[in-house]
Amino acid sequence: MARSWWKWVGLAGAAGVLATGVVVARNERARRSYTPEQVRERLRQRLAEATPDGERTS
């Protein structure tokens, strides 16, 4: 009986690891789909929002 319980715990843990891997892979694919210019534009936009009057720090 105790072995059966541990078997289910192990299967649930493996399923959790698998699900996490799927989510990470999906996010990585979405991140890599941006062009370098899109990434630069997004960073510039975030910088402008983070600094007063959109001033450049460098």
N, C-alpha and C. Protein backbone atom coordinates (compact mmCIF):
# COMPACT_ATOMS: atom_id res chain seq x y z
N MET A 1 0.82 -1.19 0.00
CA MET A 1 0.00 0.00 0.00
C MET A 1 0.87 1.27 0.00
N ALA A 2 1.93 1.28 0.82
CA ALA A 2 2.80 2.45 0.89
C ALA A 2 3.55 2.66 -0.43
N ARG A 3 3.89 1.56 -1.09
CA ARG A 3 4.59 1.68 -2.38
C ARG A 3 3.70 2.34 -3.42
N SER A 4 2.44 2.01 -3.42
CA SER A 4 1.50 2.57 -4.38
C SER A 4 1.41 4.09 -4.19
N TRP A 5 1.37 4.53 -2.95
CA TRP A 5 1.29 5.96 -2.65
C TRP A 5 2.51 6.69 -3.20
N TRP A 6 3.69 6.15 -2.97
CA TRP A 6 4.92 6.78 -3.46
C TRP A 6 4.99 6.77 -4.99
N LYS A 7 4.43 5.74 -5.59
CA LYS A 7 4.40 5.67 -7.04
C LYS A 7 3.59 6.84 -7.60
N TRP A 8 2.44 7.11 -7.00
CA TRP A 8 1.61 8.24 -7.45
C TRP A 8 2.30 9.59 -7.22
N VAL A 9 2.99 9.72 -6.10
CA VAL A 9 3.74 10.96 -5.84
C VAL A 9 4.82 11.15 -6.89
N GLY A 10 5.51 10.09 -7.23
CA GLY A 10 6.56 10.16 -8.25
C GLY A 10 5.99 10.51 -9.61
N LEU A 11 4.87 9.91 -9.97
CA LEU A 11 4.24 10.21 -11.26
C LEU A 11 3.76 11.67 -11.31
N ALA A 12 3.22 12.16 -10.21
CA ALA A 12 2.77 13.55 -10.16
C ALA A 12 3.97 14.50 -10.30
N GLY A 13 5.07 14.18 -9.66
CA GLY A 13 6.28 15.00 -9.78
C GLY A 13 6.81 15.01 -11.20
N ALA A 14 6.82 13.85 -11.84
CA ALA A 14 7.29 13.77 -13.23
C ALA A 14 6.38 14.57 -14.15
N ALA A 15 5.08 14.51 -13.92
CA ALA A 15 4.14 15.28 -14.74
C ALA A 15 4.37 16.78 -14.54
N GLY A 16 4.66 17.19 -13.33
CA GLY A 16 4.93 18.60 -13.06
C GLY A 16 6.18 19.08 -13.77
N VAL A 17 7.22 18.28 -13.75
CA VAL A 17 8.47 18.64 -14.44
C VAL A 17 8.23 18.72 -15.95
N LEU A 18 7.49 17.79 -16.49
CA LEU A 18 7.18 17.79 -17.91
C LEU A 18 6.37 19.03 -18.30
N ALA A 19 5.36 19.37 -17.50
CA ALA A 19 4.54 20.55 -17.79
C ALA A 19 5.37 21.82 -17.73
N THR A 20 6.28 21.91 -16.77
CA THR A 20 7.14 23.08 -16.67
C THR A 20 8.04 23.20 -17.90
N GLY A 21 8.57 22.08 -18.36
CA GLY A 21 9.41 22.09 -19.56
C GLY A 21 8.65 22.56 -20.78
N VAL A 22 7.40 22.16 -20.90
CA VAL A 22 6.58 22.58 -22.04
C VAL A 22 6.36 24.09 -22.00
N VAL A 23 6.06 24.63 -20.84
CA VAL A 23 5.82 26.07 -20.70
C VAL A 23 7.09 26.85 -21.02
N VAL A 24 8.23 26.39 -20.52
CA VAL A 24 9.49 27.07 -20.78
C VAL A 24 9.82 27.04 -22.27
N ALA A 25 9.62 25.92 -22.91
CA ALA A 25 9.90 25.82 -24.35
C ALA A 25 8.99 26.74 -25.15
N ARG A 26 7.74 26.82 -24.78
CA ARG A 26 6.79 27.68 -25.48
C ARG A 26 7.19 29.16 -25.33
N ASN A 27 7.57 29.55 -24.12
CA ASN A 27 7.99 30.93 -23.89
C ASN A 27 9.28 31.26 -24.65
N GLU A 28 10.18 30.32 -24.70
CA GLU A 28 11.45 30.53 -25.42
C GLU A 28 11.19 30.71 -26.91
N ARG A 29 10.29 29.91 -27.47
CA ARG A 29 9.95 30.06 -28.89
C ARG A 29 9.33 31.42 -29.16
N ALA A 30 8.46 31.87 -28.28
CA ALA A 30 7.82 33.18 -28.46
C ALA A 30 8.86 34.30 -28.36
N ARG A 31 9.81 34.17 -27.44
CA ARG A 31 10.83 35.19 -27.27
C ARG A 31 11.74 35.26 -28.49
N ARG A 32 12.09 34.13 -29.04
CA ARG A 32 13.00 34.11 -30.19
C ARG A 32 12.34 34.55 -31.49
N SER A 33 11.02 34.70 -31.49
CA SER A 33 10.34 35.08 -32.72
C SER A 33 10.45 36.58 -33.01
N TYR A 34 10.98 37.36 -32.05
CA TYR A 34 11.17 38.78 -32.27
C TYR A 34 12.41 39.03 -33.12
N THR A 35 12.34 40.02 -33.99
CA THR A 35 13.52 40.42 -34.74
C THR A 35 14.39 41.28 -33.83
N PRO A 36 15.67 41.40 -34.14
CA PRO A 36 16.54 42.25 -33.31
C PRO A 36 16.03 43.70 -33.23
N GLU A 37 15.48 44.21 -34.31
CA GLU A 37 14.96 45.59 -34.29
C GLU A 37 13.75 45.70 -33.36
N GLN A 38 12.91 44.69 -33.32
CA GLN A 38 11.77 44.71 -32.41
C GLN A 38 12.24 44.69 -30.96
N VAL A 39 13.28 43.92 -30.68
CA VAL A 39 13.82 43.87 -29.32
C VAL A 39 14.38 45.24 -28.94
N ARG A 40 15.15 45.86 -29.83
CA ARG A 40 15.71 47.19 -29.54
C ARG A 40 14.61 48.21 -29.31
N GLU A 41 13.58 48.19 -30.14
CA GLU A 41 12.48 49.14 -30.00
C GLU A 41 11.76 48.95 -28.66
N ARG A 42 11.57 47.70 -28.28
CA ARG A 42 10.91 47.43 -27.00
C ARG A 42 11.77 47.91 -25.83
N LEU A 43 13.08 47.71 -25.92
CA LEU A 43 13.97 48.19 -24.86
C LEU A 43 13.98 49.71 -24.78
N ARG A 44 13.98 50.36 -25.94
CA ARG A 44 13.93 51.83 -25.94
C ARG A 44 12.62 52.33 -25.33
N GLN A 45 11.54 51.67 -25.64
CA GLN A 45 10.25 52.05 -25.10
C GLN A 45 10.23 51.89 -23.58
N ARG A 46 10.77 50.78 -23.09
CA ARG A 46 10.82 50.55 -21.65
C ARG A 46 11.72 51.57 -20.96
N LEU A 47 12.82 51.94 -21.61
CA LEU A 47 13.72 52.96 -21.06
C LEU A 47 13.00 54.29 -20.96
N ALA A 48 12.28 54.66 -22.00
CA ALA A 48 11.55 55.92 -22.00
C ALA A 48 10.49 55.95 -20.90
N GLU A 49 9.87 54.83 -20.63
CA GLU A 49 8.86 54.76 -19.58
C GLU A 49 9.50 54.80 -18.19
N ALA A 50 10.72 54.29 -18.07
CA ALA A 50 11.37 54.19 -16.77
C ALA A 50 12.09 55.47 -16.35
N THR A 51 12.51 56.28 -17.31
CA THR A 51 13.27 57.48 -16.98
C THR A 51 12.40 58.71 -17.20
N PRO A 52 12.61 59.75 -16.39
CA PRO A 52 11.84 60.97 -16.56
C PRO A 52 12.15 61.63 -17.91
N ASP A 53 11.13 62.04 -18.60
CA ASP A 53 11.24 62.72 -19.89
C ASP A 53 11.96 61.88 -20.94
N GLY A 54 12.05 60.59 -20.73
CA GLY A 54 12.67 59.70 -21.71
C GLY A 54 14.14 59.97 -21.94
N GLU A 55 14.81 60.58 -20.95
CA GLU A 55 16.23 60.90 -21.12
C GLU A 55 17.06 59.64 -21.20
N ARG A 56 18.11 59.71 -21.97
CA ARG A 56 18.99 58.56 -22.14
C ARG A 56 20.03 58.56 -21.02
N THR A 57 20.39 57.36 -20.59
CA THR A 57 21.34 57.26 -19.48
C THR A 57 22.78 57.09 -19.97
N SER A 58 22.97 56.84 -21.25
CA SER A 58 24.34 56.67 -21.74
C SER A 58 24.58 57.46 -22.98
